[in-house]
Amino acid sequence: MADSIAAGLVDENDTENEDKEREKRLFSGVKKTEKQAAASDLTETLGFYERKAQCKERKSNVSDLSLVRFISAELTRGYFLEHNEAKYTERRERVYTCLRIPKELEKLMMFGFFLCLDVFLYVFTLLPLRVLLALIRLLTLPCCGLSGSRILQPAQVCDVLKGFIMVLCYFMMHYVDYSMMYHLIRGQSVIKLYIIYNMLEVADRLFSSFGQDILDALYWTATEPKERKRAHIGVIPHFFMAVLYVFLHAILIMVQATTLNVAFNSHNKSLLTIMMSNNFVEIKGSVFKKFEKNNLFQMSNSDIKERFTNYTLLLIVCLRNMEQFSWNPDHLWVLFPDVCMVIASEIAVDVVKHAFITKFNDITADVYSEYRASLAFDLVSSRQKNAYTDYSDSVSRRMGFIPLPLALLLIRVVTSSVKIQGSLSIVCVVLFYLGMITLKVLNSIVLLGKSCMYVKEANMEEKLFQNPPSAAPSRGSSRTHRTKHTREPPGEPAEEGMSASVTTQPTQRDECPAPQIPTSESDQFLTTPDESEEKSLIQDDTELKHGAPKKDLLEIDRFTICGNRID
């Protein structure tokens, strides 16, 4: 009985062990099938499947098919640009901006060109008449008596000084032999002439920068109120400095025109080609540098001045060549292709340069309309009754274009090339002068109308009635300037504490202006004292960090340093 029971238990244990082994086999089989299914469902990488249990023959077949699968994947794979929509939209806008640059740039260039033409014609047309009226007033004062405290108005004093400078420099230019200069330059080699021409361009920019300061110092010294303490060397030394500057700058432009004339008359035109290639070198020097809006405004003004000066030099070259060929009109057609080639290269270089500068610095094409509005603001503000500067001087400061040396050279070339003999010639000269006056008046009317429209579009009418700017203090004296203002009582207005744009208009000096709160951070940062000492200390720290404050476009003239080199 016991044996039978023990045998039954052994059988039951055996059956249980067999069941467990069966379950383990089934479970392991399920795992293997799942692993195989997972291995079969793996993603394809370069046409290979990660399968372990494969024969060598199967693997060789699959390896043979992997190249086919790779090529088919390369031929049929796709992508969606909309996954990075912002990037491609920005690239498309850059292309559109580059396409808009030539149109917007040429609008600015044409407006600036006619501004320079207006200032240039002023020297020949209205300036002699204004000088004549001032001299008549000066001569008739002993008979009529003094009507006021001033013998001449400040504008008349400046006009008389300009007239005397032009007359003295004209007689001094007679001692300069143009023919000898031409043959002296023609005898030099091509490389020397190329170096000379580059040196002349640099010298012209330096002369323009320092020359306008000399003229401004002369005008202010001659018209400064006499009640103030004498802090200058006198009017006569300033006058002779201005005469010397205009004379030397006129000779410099004459050498530049002579070099260009030699390039036109060379047989193989190699010098002219080298001088034109110099414009394309300018692209390399400016495109790959960081430019801000104010820096680009400076460069645009420089390009306007350079284009007008080159056109005037081409006119002088044509006059000299026509004189040598007895005013034969057939020779003009010989010069015409070279003139067009120089003008076309100048325009192409400006377009390419500005297009890539705006592209690399993320500047929109609408910035040129702002530049045009700033130039128009100068013209409109100079027509106000309380204007503080002549428009020609404003253009000189803004663009670096000083018309006196260029006008002096043109007068010298025209008088030496055209011989006036007989009454008919005098009548022709008078008619030509009347035609120039008509052109000047029409040009001024059109420019004034366009300028008012541009100022209105830019919403700059309110700035026409602001106070005039005061001289910005230097960095060294800025802290003392602020402390001086903070010590003043709050009820008393500061004499030179208010800051505004360069082109805003002044009020009468005998009236004490009420203190105003500055409307922009740049004006407050430059000259206006803060309300508390803590804010002034914070602004001192920011000035040390940033080096120079940001300025409004109306405060940027041709020779203001904006954190980059001046072009």
Foldseek 3Di string as FASTA:
>chain_A
DVVVVVVVVVVVVVVVVVVVVVVVVVVVVVVVVVVQVVQVPDDADLQDGPDDPDDPVVVVVSVVCSVVVNVVCVVPPDDDPVVVVVVVVVVVQLVVQLVCQLVLLVVLLVLLLLLVVLLLLCVQFVLVVLQVVLVVLLVCCVVVDDPDPDSDDLVSVLSVLLVVLLVVLLVVCVVDDLVVLLVVLLPDDLVVLLVLLVVLVVVLLVLLVVLLVLSVVLSCQVNPDPVDDDDDDHNVVSSVVNSVSLNVSLVSLSSNLSSVLSLLPDDVSPSVVSVLVVLVVVLVVQLPDADDLLQVLLVSLQLSLVLSSVVLSVVLSVLVVCLVVVNDVVVVVVCVVSVVVSNVSSSVSVSVSVSSNCSVHVNGSCSSLVSSLLLLLLLQLQPDPQADDHSSSVSCFARSHNNSSSSSNVVSSCPVRDDQDDPVSVVVVVVVNVVSVVVSVVSSVVSNVVNVVSNVVVVNPVQQADAAAADFDDPVCQVVLQVVVQPDDPQDDDLHQFGDFNSHGHDDNVDDDDDDDDDDPQRCLTGHHDPDPVVVVVSNVVCVVVVDDDDDSRNRGNPDDDPDDHD
